[in-house]
Amino acid sequence: IENFLLYLSKAVLGSVQDRKGIQGDLN
């Protein structure tokens, strides 16, 4: 959890690509 929150703090600024390739950027 500690490390994920640090990751999220950076990742939320970018795109979050749909792993199924259907919706594109989920953010």
mmCIF file of all heavy atoms, coordinates in Angstrom:
data_MODEL
# 
_entry.id   MODEL 
# 
loop_
_atom_site.group_PDB 
_atom_site.id 
_atom_site.type_symbol 
_atom_site.label_atom_id 
_atom_site.label_alt_id 
_atom_site.label_comp_id 
_atom_site.label_asym_id 
_atom_site.label_entity_id 
_atom_site.label_seq_id 
_atom_site.pdbx_PDB_ins_code 
_atom_site.Cartn_x 
_atom_site.Cartn_y 
_atom_site.Cartn_z 
_atom_site.occupancy 
_atom_site.B_iso_or_equiv 
_atom_site.pdbx_formal_charge 
_atom_site.auth_seq_id 
_atom_site.auth_comp_id 
_atom_site.auth_asym_id 
_atom_site.auth_atom_id 
_atom_site.pdbx_PDB_model_num 
ATOM 1   N N   . ILE A 1 1  ? 0.824   -1.203 0.000   1.00 0.00 ? 1  ILE A N   1 
ATOM 2   C CA  . ILE A 1 1  ? 0.000   0.000  0.000   1.00 0.00 ? 1  ILE A CA  1 
ATOM 3   C C   . ILE A 1 1  ? 0.860   1.255  0.000   1.00 0.00 ? 1  ILE A C   1 
ATOM 4   O O   . ILE A 1 1  ? 0.611   2.191  -0.763  1.00 0.00 ? 1  ILE A O   1 
ATOM 5   C CB  . ILE A 1 1  ? -0.976  -0.005 1.200   1.00 0.00 ? 1  ILE A CB  1 
ATOM 6   C CG1 . ILE A 1 1  ? -2.005  -1.112 1.011   1.00 0.00 ? 1  ILE A CG1 1 
ATOM 7   C CG2 . ILE A 1 1  ? -1.656  1.349  1.363   1.00 0.00 ? 1  ILE A CG2 1 
ATOM 8   C CD1 . ILE A 1 1  ? -2.824  -1.407 2.243   1.00 0.00 ? 1  ILE A CD1 1 
ATOM 9   N N   . GLU A 1 2  ? 1.872   1.266  0.844   1.00 0.00 ? 2  GLU A N   1 
ATOM 10  C CA  . GLU A 1 2  ? 2.769   2.424  0.903   1.00 0.00 ? 2  GLU A CA  1 
ATOM 11  C C   . GLU A 1 2  ? 3.365   2.726  -0.470  1.00 0.00 ? 2  GLU A C   1 
ATOM 12  O O   . GLU A 1 2  ? 3.346   3.861  -0.939  1.00 0.00 ? 2  GLU A O   1 
ATOM 13  C CB  . GLU A 1 2  ? 3.883   2.165  1.915   1.00 0.00 ? 2  GLU A CB  1 
ATOM 14  C CG  . GLU A 1 2  ? 4.881   3.287  2.016   1.00 0.00 ? 2  GLU A CG  1 
ATOM 15  C CD  . GLU A 1 2  ? 6.032   2.980  2.969   1.00 0.00 ? 2  GLU A CD  1 
ATOM 16  O OE1 . GLU A 1 2  ? 5.870   2.174  3.908   1.00 0.00 ? 2  GLU A OE1 1 
ATOM 17  O OE2 . GLU A 1 2  ? 7.118   3.556  2.752   1.00 0.00 ? 2  GLU A OE2 1 
ATOM 18  N N   . ASN A 1 3  ? 3.876   1.711  -1.121  1.00 0.00 ? 3  ASN A N   1 
ATOM 19  C CA  . ASN A 1 3  ? 4.517   1.902  -2.422  1.00 0.00 ? 3  ASN A CA  1 
ATOM 20  C C   . ASN A 1 3  ? 3.513   2.178  -3.535  1.00 0.00 ? 3  ASN A C   1 
ATOM 21  O O   . ASN A 1 3  ? 3.789   2.954  -4.452  1.00 0.00 ? 3  ASN A O   1 
ATOM 22  C CB  . ASN A 1 3  ? 5.408   0.711  -2.750  1.00 0.00 ? 3  ASN A CB  1 
ATOM 23  C CG  . ASN A 1 3  ? 6.656   0.740  -1.911  1.00 0.00 ? 3  ASN A CG  1 
ATOM 24  O OD1 . ASN A 1 3  ? 7.558   1.518  -2.158  1.00 0.00 ? 3  ASN A OD1 1 
ATOM 25  N ND2 . ASN A 1 3  ? 6.697   -0.076 -0.867  1.00 0.00 ? 3  ASN A ND2 1 
ATOM 26  N N   . PHE A 1 4  ? 2.338   1.562  -3.457  1.00 0.00 ? 4  PHE A N   1 
ATOM 27  C CA  . PHE A 1 4  ? 1.323   1.837  -4.467  1.00 0.00 ? 4  PHE A CA  1 
ATOM 28  C C   . PHE A 1 4  ? 0.878   3.296  -4.424  1.00 0.00 ? 4  PHE A C   1 
ATOM 29  O O   . PHE A 1 4  ? 0.691   3.925  -5.464  1.00 0.00 ? 4  PHE A O   1 
ATOM 30  C CB  . PHE A 1 4  ? 0.099   0.922  -4.320  1.00 0.00 ? 4  PHE A CB  1 
ATOM 31  C CG  . PHE A 1 4  ? -1.009  1.351  -5.235  1.00 0.00 ? 4  PHE A CG  1 
ATOM 32  C CD1 . PHE A 1 4  ? -0.901  1.130  -6.598  1.00 0.00 ? 4  PHE A CD1 1 
ATOM 33  C CD2 . PHE A 1 4  ? -2.109  2.028  -4.752  1.00 0.00 ? 4  PHE A CD2 1 
ATOM 34  C CE1 . PHE A 1 4  ? -1.893  1.579  -7.473  1.00 0.00 ? 4  PHE A CE1 1 
ATOM 35  C CE2 . PHE A 1 4  ? -3.107  2.481  -5.608  1.00 0.00 ? 4  PHE A CE2 1 
ATOM 36  C CZ  . PHE A 1 4  ? -3.006  2.253  -6.975  1.00 0.00 ? 4  PHE A CZ  1 
ATOM 37  N N   . LEU A 1 5  ? 0.702   3.850  -3.238  1.00 0.00 ? 5  LEU A N   1 
ATOM 38  C CA  . LEU A 1 5  ? 0.261   5.237  -3.127  1.00 0.00 ? 5  LEU A CA  1 
ATOM 39  C C   . LEU A 1 5  ? 1.271   6.195  -3.753  1.00 0.00 ? 5  LEU A C   1 
ATOM 40  O O   . LEU A 1 5  ? 0.882   7.172  -4.405  1.00 0.00 ? 5  LEU A O   1 
ATOM 41  C CB  . LEU A 1 5  ? -0.006  5.600  -1.668  1.00 0.00 ? 5  LEU A CB  1 
ATOM 42  C CG  . LEU A 1 5  ? -1.233  4.915  -1.063  1.00 0.00 ? 5  LEU A CG  1 
ATOM 43  C CD1 . LEU A 1 5  ? -1.277  5.156  0.437   1.00 0.00 ? 5  LEU A CD1 1 
ATOM 44  C CD2 . LEU A 1 5  ? -2.514  5.377  -1.739  1.00 0.00 ? 5  LEU A CD2 1 
ATOM 45  N N   . LEU A 1 6  ? 2.534   5.907  -3.587  1.00 0.00 ? 6  LEU A N   1 
ATOM 46  C CA  . LEU A 1 6  ? 3.559   6.725  -4.222  1.00 0.00 ? 6  LEU A CA  1 
ATOM 47  C C   . LEU A 1 6  ? 3.453   6.601  -5.747  1.00 0.00 ? 6  LEU A C   1 
ATOM 48  O O   . LEU A 1 6  ? 3.524   7.592  -6.477  1.00 0.00 ? 6  LEU A O   1 
ATOM 49  C CB  . LEU A 1 6  ? 4.945   6.320  -3.738  1.00 0.00 ? 6  LEU A CB  1 
ATOM 50  C CG  . LEU A 1 6  ? 6.100   7.193  -4.181  1.00 0.00 ? 6  LEU A CG  1 
ATOM 51  C CD1 . LEU A 1 6  ? 5.911   8.642  -3.718  1.00 0.00 ? 6  LEU A CD1 1 
ATOM 52  C CD2 . LEU A 1 6  ? 7.412   6.643  -3.643  1.00 0.00 ? 6  LEU A CD2 1 
ATOM 53  N N   . TYR A 1 7  ? 3.256   5.385  -6.225  1.00 0.00 ? 7  TYR A N   1 
ATOM 54  C CA  . TYR A 1 7  ? 3.070   5.142  -7.658  1.00 0.00 ? 7  TYR A CA  1 
ATOM 55  C C   . TYR A 1 7  ? 1.831   5.887  -8.173  1.00 0.00 ? 7  TYR A C   1 
ATOM 56  O O   . TYR A 1 7  ? 1.875   6.555  -9.217  1.00 0.00 ? 7  TYR A O   1 
ATOM 57  C CB  . TYR A 1 7  ? 2.924   3.635  -7.906  1.00 0.00 ? 7  TYR A CB  1 
ATOM 58  C CG  . TYR A 1 7  ? 2.647   3.264  -9.329  1.00 0.00 ? 7  TYR A CG  1 
ATOM 59  C CD1 . TYR A 1 7  ? 3.689   3.109  -10.243 1.00 0.00 ? 7  TYR A CD1 1 
ATOM 60  C CD2 . TYR A 1 7  ? 1.349   3.047  -9.774  1.00 0.00 ? 7  TYR A CD2 1 
ATOM 61  C CE1 . TYR A 1 7  ? 3.442   2.756  -11.564 1.00 0.00 ? 7  TYR A CE1 1 
ATOM 62  C CE2 . TYR A 1 7  ? 1.087   2.703  -11.085 1.00 0.00 ? 7  TYR A CE2 1 
ATOM 63  C CZ  . TYR A 1 7  ? 2.133   2.553  -11.980 1.00 0.00 ? 7  TYR A CZ  1 
ATOM 64  O OH  . TYR A 1 7  ? 1.879   2.212  -13.280 1.00 0.00 ? 7  TYR A OH  1 
ATOM 65  N N   . LEU A 1 8  ? 0.722   5.789  -7.437  1.00 0.00 ? 8  LEU A N   1 
ATOM 66  C CA  . LEU A 1 8  ? -0.518  6.449  -7.847  1.00 0.00 ? 8  LEU A CA  1 
ATOM 67  C C   . LEU A 1 8  ? -0.334  7.953  -7.946  1.00 0.00 ? 8  LEU A C   1 
ATOM 68  O O   . LEU A 1 8  ? -0.878  8.583  -8.863  1.00 0.00 ? 8  LEU A O   1 
ATOM 69  C CB  . LEU A 1 8  ? -1.641  6.123  -6.852  1.00 0.00 ? 8  LEU A CB  1 
ATOM 70  C CG  . LEU A 1 8  ? -2.982  6.814  -7.091  1.00 0.00 ? 8  LEU A CG  1 
ATOM 71  C CD1 . LEU A 1 8  ? -3.569  6.388  -8.445  1.00 0.00 ? 8  LEU A CD1 1 
ATOM 72  C CD2 . LEU A 1 8  ? -3.946  6.498  -5.954  1.00 0.00 ? 8  LEU A CD2 1 
ATOM 73  N N   . SER A 1 9  ? 0.442   8.523  -7.045  1.00 0.00 ? 9  SER A N   1 
ATOM 74  C CA  . SER A 1 9  ? 0.639   9.976  -7.053  1.00 0.00 ? 9  SER A CA  1 
ATOM 75  C C   . SER A 1 9  ? 1.267   10.454 -8.361  1.00 0.00 ? 9  SER A C   1 
ATOM 76  O O   . SER A 1 9  ? 1.044   11.587 -8.784  1.00 0.00 ? 9  SER A O   1 
ATOM 77  C CB  . SER A 1 9  ? 1.490   10.415 -5.863  1.00 0.00 ? 9  SER A CB  1 
ATOM 78  O OG  . SER A 1 9  ? 2.854   10.067 -6.028  1.00 0.00 ? 9  SER A OG  1 
ATOM 79  N N   . LYS A 1 10 ? 2.008   9.591  -9.008  1.00 0.00 ? 10 LYS A N   1 
ATOM 80  C CA  . LYS A 1 10 ? 2.616   9.941  -10.295 1.00 0.00 ? 10 LYS A CA  1 
ATOM 81  C C   . LYS A 1 10 ? 1.742   9.479  -11.464 1.00 0.00 ? 10 LYS A C   1 
ATOM 82  O O   . LYS A 1 10 ? 1.558   10.202 -12.446 1.00 0.00 ? 10 LYS A O   1 
ATOM 83  C CB  . LYS A 1 10 ? 4.005   9.311  -10.396 1.00 0.00 ? 10 LYS A CB  1 
ATOM 84  C CG  . LYS A 1 10 ? 4.956   9.826  -9.333  1.00 0.00 ? 10 LYS A CG  1 
ATOM 85  C CD  . LYS A 1 10 ? 6.227   9.023  -9.279  1.00 0.00 ? 10 LYS A CD  1 
ATOM 86  C CE  . LYS A 1 10 ? 7.059   9.459  -8.077  1.00 0.00 ? 10 LYS A CE  1 
ATOM 87  N NZ  . LYS A 1 10 ? 8.068   8.502  -7.719  1.00 0.00 ? 10 LYS A NZ  1 
ATOM 88  N N   . ALA A 1 11 ? 1.194   8.281  -11.342 1.00 0.00 ? 11 ALA A N   1 
ATOM 89  C CA  . ALA A 1 11 ? 0.427   7.687  -12.442 1.00 0.00 ? 11 ALA A CA  1 
ATOM 90  C C   . ALA A 1 11 ? -0.862  8.439  -12.737 1.00 0.00 ? 11 ALA A C   1 
ATOM 91  O O   . ALA A 1 11 ? -1.301  8.480  -13.889 1.00 0.00 ? 11 ALA A O   1 
ATOM 92  C CB  . ALA A 1 11 ? 0.117   6.220  -12.125 1.00 0.00 ? 11 ALA A CB  1 
ATOM 93  N N   . VAL A 1 12 ? -1.461  9.046  -11.732 1.00 0.00 ? 12 VAL A N   1 
ATOM 94  C CA  . VAL A 1 12 ? -2.744  9.725  -11.939 1.00 0.00 ? 12 VAL A CA  1 
ATOM 95  C C   . VAL A 1 12 ? -2.613  10.929 -12.867 1.00 0.00 ? 12 VAL A C   1 
ATOM 96  O O   . VAL A 1 12 ? -3.589  11.354 -13.486 1.00 0.00 ? 12 VAL A O   1 
ATOM 97  C CB  . VAL A 1 12 ? -3.381  10.136 -10.581 1.00 0.00 ? 12 VAL A CB  1 
ATOM 98  C CG1 . VAL A 1 12 ? -2.632  11.311 -9.952  1.00 0.00 ? 12 VAL A CG1 1 
ATOM 99  C CG2 . VAL A 1 12 ? -4.853  10.454 -10.750 1.00 0.00 ? 12 VAL A CG2 1 
ATOM 100 N N   . LEU A 1 13 ? -1.410  11.440 -13.024 1.00 0.00 ? 13 LEU A N   1 
ATOM 101 C CA  . LEU A 1 13 ? -1.216  12.592 -13.910 1.00 0.00 ? 13 LEU A CA  1 
ATOM 102 C C   . LEU A 1 13 ? -1.208  12.195 -15.384 1.00 0.00 ? 13 LEU A C   1 
ATOM 103 O O   . LEU A 1 13 ? -1.402  13.041 -16.257 1.00 0.00 ? 13 LEU A O   1 
ATOM 104 C CB  . LEU A 1 13 ? 0.081   13.319 -13.561 1.00 0.00 ? 13 LEU A CB  1 
ATOM 105 C CG  . LEU A 1 13 ? 0.136   13.936 -12.160 1.00 0.00 ? 13 LEU A CG  1 
ATOM 106 C CD1 . LEU A 1 13 ? 1.485   14.583 -11.925 1.00 0.00 ? 13 LEU A CD1 1 
ATOM 107 C CD2 . LEU A 1 13 ? -1.000  14.922 -11.940 1.00 0.00 ? 13 LEU A CD2 1 
ATOM 108 N N   . GLY A 1 14 ? -0.997  10.933 -15.657 1.00 0.00 ? 14 GLY A N   1 
ATOM 109 C CA  . GLY A 1 14 ? -0.928  10.467 -17.040 1.00 0.00 ? 14 GLY A CA  1 
ATOM 110 C C   . GLY A 1 14 ? -2.157  9.682  -17.451 1.00 0.00 ? 14 GLY A C   1 
ATOM 111 O O   . GLY A 1 14 ? -3.186  9.691  -16.779 1.00 0.00 ? 14 GLY A O   1 
ATOM 112 N N   . SER A 1 15 ? -2.028  8.990  -18.557 1.00 0.00 ? 15 SER A N   1 
ATOM 113 C CA  . SER A 1 15 ? -3.136  8.168  -19.033 1.00 0.00 ? 15 SER A CA  1 
ATOM 114 C C   . SER A 1 15 ? -3.101  6.807  -18.343 1.00 0.00 ? 15 SER A C   1 
ATOM 115 O O   . SER A 1 15 ? -2.062  6.349  -17.878 1.00 0.00 ? 15 SER A O   1 
ATOM 116 C CB  . SER A 1 15 ? -3.068  8.002  -20.549 1.00 0.00 ? 15 SER A CB  1 
ATOM 117 O OG  . SER A 1 15 ? -1.928  7.257  -20.906 1.00 0.00 ? 15 SER A OG  1 
ATOM 118 N N   . VAL A 1 16 ? -4.268  6.191  -18.285 1.00 0.00 ? 16 VAL A N   1 
ATOM 119 C CA  . VAL A 1 16 ? -4.417  4.830  -17.762 1.00 0.00 ? 16 VAL A CA  1 
ATOM 120 C C   . VAL A 1 16 ? -5.089  4.044  -18.876 1.00 0.00 ? 16 VAL A C   1 
ATOM 121 O O   . VAL A 1 16 ? -6.289  4.176  -19.106 1.00 0.00 ? 16 VAL A O   1 
ATOM 122 C CB  . VAL A 1 16 ? -5.268  4.794  -16.468 1.00 0.00 ? 16 VAL A CB  1 
ATOM 123 C CG1 . VAL A 1 16 ? -5.447  3.372  -15.986 1.00 0.00 ? 16 VAL A CG1 1 
ATOM 124 C CG2 . VAL A 1 16 ? -4.664  5.682  -15.384 1.00 0.00 ? 16 VAL A CG2 1 
ATOM 125 N N   . GLN A 1 17 ? -4.297  3.281  -19.597 1.00 0.00 ? 17 GLN A N   1 
ATOM 126 C CA  . GLN A 1 17 ? -4.813  2.592  -20.777 1.00 0.00 ? 17 GLN A CA  1 
ATOM 127 C C   . GLN A 1 17 ? -5.581  1.321  -20.418 1.00 0.00 ? 17 GLN A C   1 
ATOM 128 O O   . GLN A 1 17 ? -5.135  0.520  -19.600 1.00 0.00 ? 17 GLN A O   1 
ATOM 129 C CB  . GLN A 1 17 ? -3.670  2.258  -21.734 1.00 0.00 ? 17 GLN A CB  1 
ATOM 130 C CG  . GLN A 1 17 ? -3.045  3.480  -22.379 1.00 0.00 ? 17 GLN A CG  1 
ATOM 131 C CD  . GLN A 1 17 ? -4.057  4.288  -23.177 1.00 0.00 ? 17 GLN A CD  1 
ATOM 132 O OE1 . GLN A 1 17 ? -4.814  3.764  -23.987 1.00 0.00 ? 17 GLN A OE1 1 
ATOM 133 N NE2 . GLN A 1 17 ? -4.064  5.598  -22.946 1.00 0.00 ? 17 GLN A NE2 1 
ATOM 134 N N   . ASP A 1 18 ? -6.733  1.181  -21.045 1.00 0.00 ? 18 ASP A N   1 
ATOM 135 C CA  . ASP A 1 18 ? -7.571  0.001  -20.865 1.00 0.00 ? 18 ASP A CA  1 
ATOM 136 C C   . ASP A 1 18 ? -6.795  -1.227 -21.321 1.00 0.00 ? 18 ASP A C   1 
ATOM 137 O O   . ASP A 1 18 ? -6.346  -1.310 -22.464 1.00 0.00 ? 18 ASP A O   1 
ATOM 138 C CB  . ASP A 1 18 ? -8.848  0.164  -21.691 1.00 0.00 ? 18 ASP A CB  1 
ATOM 139 C CG  . ASP A 1 18 ? -9.798  -1.016 -21.585 1.00 0.00 ? 18 ASP A CG  1 
ATOM 140 O OD1 . ASP A 1 18 ? -9.576  -1.905 -20.746 1.00 0.00 ? 18 ASP A OD1 1 
ATOM 141 O OD2 . ASP A 1 18 ? -10.780 -1.030 -22.358 1.00 0.00 ? 18 ASP A OD2 1 
ATOM 142 N N   . ARG A 1 19 ? -6.635  -2.187 -20.446 1.00 0.00 ? 19 ARG A N   1 
ATOM 143 C CA  . ARG A 1 19 ? -5.875  -3.396 -20.764 1.00 0.00 ? 19 ARG A CA  1 
ATOM 144 C C   . ARG A 1 19 ? -6.579  -4.261 -21.812 1.00 0.00 ? 19 ARG A C   1 
ATOM 145 O O   . ARG A 1 19 ? -5.943  -5.060 -22.481 1.00 0.00 ? 19 ARG A O   1 
ATOM 146 C CB  . ARG A 1 19 ? -5.629  -4.220 -19.497 1.00 0.00 ? 19 ARG A CB  1 
ATOM 147 C CG  . ARG A 1 19 ? -4.649  -3.542 -18.569 1.00 0.00 ? 19 ARG A CG  1 
ATOM 148 C CD  . ARG A 1 19 ? -4.571  -4.266 -17.232 1.00 0.00 ? 19 ARG A CD  1 
ATOM 149 N NE  . ARG A 1 19 ? -3.311  -3.891 -16.624 1.00 0.00 ? 19 ARG A NE  1 
ATOM 150 C CZ  . ARG A 1 19 ? -2.280  -4.710 -16.473 1.00 0.00 ? 19 ARG A CZ  1 
ATOM 151 N NH1 . ARG A 1 19 ? -2.356  -5.965 -16.848 1.00 0.00 ? 19 ARG A NH1 1 
ATOM 152 N NH2 . ARG A 1 19 ? -1.166  -4.276 -15.935 1.00 0.00 ? 19 ARG A NH2 1 
ATOM 153 N N   . LYS A 1 20 ? -7.884  -4.104 -21.919 1.00 0.00 ? 20 LYS A N   1 
ATOM 154 C CA  . LYS A 1 20 ? -8.640  -4.865 -22.910 1.00 0.00 ? 20 LYS A CA  1 
ATOM 155 C C   . LYS A 1 20 ? -8.592  -4.208 -24.286 1.00 0.00 ? 20 LYS A C   1 
ATOM 156 O O   . LYS A 1 20 ? -9.025  -4.799 -25.267 1.00 0.00 ? 20 LYS A O   1 
ATOM 157 C CB  . LYS A 1 20 ? -10.092 -5.002 -22.460 1.00 0.00 ? 20 LYS A CB  1 
ATOM 158 C CG  . LYS A 1 20 ? -10.257 -5.777 -21.163 1.00 0.00 ? 20 LYS A CG  1 
ATOM 159 C CD  . LYS A 1 20 ? -11.701 -5.762 -20.724 1.00 0.00 ? 20 LYS A CD  1 
ATOM 160 C CE  . LYS A 1 20 ? -11.843 -6.347 -19.341 1.00 0.00 ? 20 LYS A CE  1 
ATOM 161 N NZ  . LYS A 1 20 ? -13.195 -6.181 -18.810 1.00 0.00 ? 20 LYS A NZ  1 
ATOM 162 N N   . GLY A 1 21 ? -8.108  -2.972 -24.334 1.00 0.00 ? 21 GLY A N   1 
ATOM 163 C CA  . GLY A 1 21 ? -7.999  -2.264 -25.602 1.00 0.00 ? 21 GLY A CA  1 
ATOM 164 C C   . GLY A 1 21 ? -9.322  -1.771 -26.154 1.00 0.00 ? 21 GLY A C   1 
ATOM 165 O O   . GLY A 1 21 ? -9.422  -1.446 -27.336 1.00 0.00 ? 21 GLY A O   1 
ATOM 166 N N   . ILE A 1 22 ? -10.333 -1.671 -25.310 1.00 0.00 ? 22 ILE A N   1 
ATOM 167 C CA  . ILE A 1 22 ? -11.660 -1.273 -25.779 1.00 0.00 ? 22 ILE A CA  1 
ATOM 168 C C   . ILE A 1 22 ? -11.908 0.227  -25.558 1.00 0.00 ? 22 ILE A C   1 
ATOM 169 O O   . ILE A 1 22 ? -12.365 0.924  -26.450 1.00 0.00 ? 22 ILE A O   1 
ATOM 170 C CB  . ILE A 1 22 ? -12.758 -2.098 -25.067 1.00 0.00 ? 22 ILE A CB  1 
ATOM 171 C CG1 . ILE A 1 22 ? -12.582 -3.579 -25.398 1.00 0.00 ? 22 ILE A CG1 1 
ATOM 172 C CG2 . ILE A 1 22 ? -14.155 -1.605 -25.439 1.00 0.00 ? 22 ILE A CG2 1 
ATOM 173 C CD1 . ILE A 1 22 ? -13.430 -4.513 -24.575 1.00 0.00 ? 22 ILE A CD1 1 
ATOM 174 N N   . GLN A 1 23 ? -11.584 0.708  -24.356 1.00 0.00 ? 23 GLN A N   1 
ATOM 175 C CA  . GLN A 1 23 ? -11.951 2.075  -23.981 1.00 0.00 ? 23 GLN A CA  1 
ATOM 176 C C   . GLN A 1 23 ? -10.837 3.101  -24.133 1.00 0.00 ? 23 GLN A C   1 
ATOM 177 O O   . GLN A 1 23 ? -11.069 4.288  -23.969 1.00 0.00 ? 23 GLN A O   1 
ATOM 178 C CB  . GLN A 1 23 ? -12.438 2.091  -22.527 1.00 0.00 ? 23 GLN A CB  1 
ATOM 179 C CG  . GLN A 1 23 ? -13.688 1.280  -22.297 1.00 0.00 ? 23 GLN A CG  1 
ATOM 180 C CD  . GLN A 1 23 ? -14.132 1.323  -20.844 1.00 0.00 ? 23 GLN A CD  1 
ATOM 181 O OE1 . GLN A 1 23 ? -13.803 2.244  -20.118 1.00 0.00 ? 23 GLN A OE1 1 
ATOM 182 N NE2 . GLN A 1 23 ? -14.878 0.323  -20.437 1.00 0.00 ? 23 GLN A NE2 1 
ATOM 183 N N   . GLY A 1 24 ? -9.632  2.691  -24.423 1.00 0.00 ? 24 GLY A N   1 
ATOM 184 C CA  . GLY A 1 24 ? -8.532  3.650  -24.533 1.00 0.00 ? 24 GLY A CA  1 
ATOM 185 C C   . GLY A 1 24 ? -8.116  4.155  -23.171 1.00 0.00 ? 24 GLY A C   1 
ATOM 186 O O   . GLY A 1 24 ? -7.955  3.383  -22.234 1.00 0.00 ? 24 GLY A O   1 
ATOM 187 N N   . ASP A 1 25 ? -7.996  5.473  -23.029 1.00 0.00 ? 25 ASP A N   1 
ATOM 188 C CA  . ASP A 1 25 ? -7.572  6.081  -21.769 1.00 0.00 ? 25 ASP A CA  1 
ATOM 189 C C   . ASP A 1 25 ? -8.734  6.088  -20.777 1.00 0.00 ? 25 ASP A C   1 
ATOM 190 O O   . ASP A 1 25 ? -9.774  6.682  -21.025 1.00 0.00 ? 25 ASP A O   1 
ATOM 191 C CB  . ASP A 1 25 ? -7.069  7.502  -22.012 1.00 0.00 ? 25 ASP A CB  1 
ATOM 192 C CG  . ASP A 1 25 ? -6.472  8.147  -20.777 1.00 0.00 ? 25 ASP A CG  1 
ATOM 193 O OD1 . ASP A 1 25 ? -6.352  7.476  -19.733 1.00 0.00 ? 25 ASP A OD1 1 
ATOM 194 O OD2 . ASP A 1 25 ? -6.115  9.334  -20.857 1.00 0.00 ? 25 ASP A OD2 1 
ATOM 195 N N   . LEU A 1 26 ? -8.525  5.435  -19.643 1.00 0.00 ? 26 LEU A N   1 
ATOM 196 C CA  . LEU A 1 26 ? -9.560  5.352  -18.615 1.00 0.00 ? 26 LEU A CA  1 
ATOM 197 C C   . LEU A 1 26 ? -9.539  6.546  -17.667 1.00 0.00 ? 26 LEU A C   1 
ATOM 198 O O   . LEU A 1 26 ? -10.464 6.738  -16.888 1.00 0.00 ? 26 LEU A O   1 
ATOM 199 C CB  . LEU A 1 26 ? -9.374  4.070  -17.796 1.00 0.00 ? 26 LEU A CB  1 
ATOM 200 C CG  . LEU A 1 26 ? -9.414  2.764  -18.571 1.00 0.00 ? 26 LEU A CG  1 
ATOM 201 C CD1 . LEU A 1 26 ? -9.000  1.596  -17.688 1.00 0.00 ? 26 LEU A CD1 1 
ATOM 202 C CD2 . LEU A 1 26 ? -10.798 2.534  -19.167 1.00 0.00 ? 26 LEU A CD2 1 
ATOM 203 N N   . ASN A 1 27 ? -8.487  7.336  -17.747 1.00 0.00 ? 27 ASN A N   1 
ATOM 204 C CA  . ASN A 1 27 ? -8.345  8.487  -16.865 1.00 0.00 ? 27 ASN A CA  1 
ATOM 205 C C   . ASN A 1 27 ? -8.957  9.714  -17.535 1.00 0.00 ? 27 ASN A C   1 
ATOM 206 O O   . ASN A 1 27 ? -8.292  10.456 -18.245 1.00 0.00 ? 27 ASN A O   1 
ATOM 207 C CB  . ASN A 1 27 ? -6.871  8.742  -16.514 1.00 0.00 ? 27 ASN A CB  1 
ATOM 208 C CG  . ASN A 1 27 ? -6.705  9.781  -15.442 1.00 0.00 ? 27 ASN A CG  1 
ATOM 209 O OD1 . ASN A 1 27 ? -7.662  10.410 -15.016 1.00 0.00 ? 27 ASN A OD1 1 
ATOM 210 N ND2 . ASN A 1 27 ? -5.479  9.975  -15.004 1.00 0.00 ? 27 ASN A ND2 1 
# 
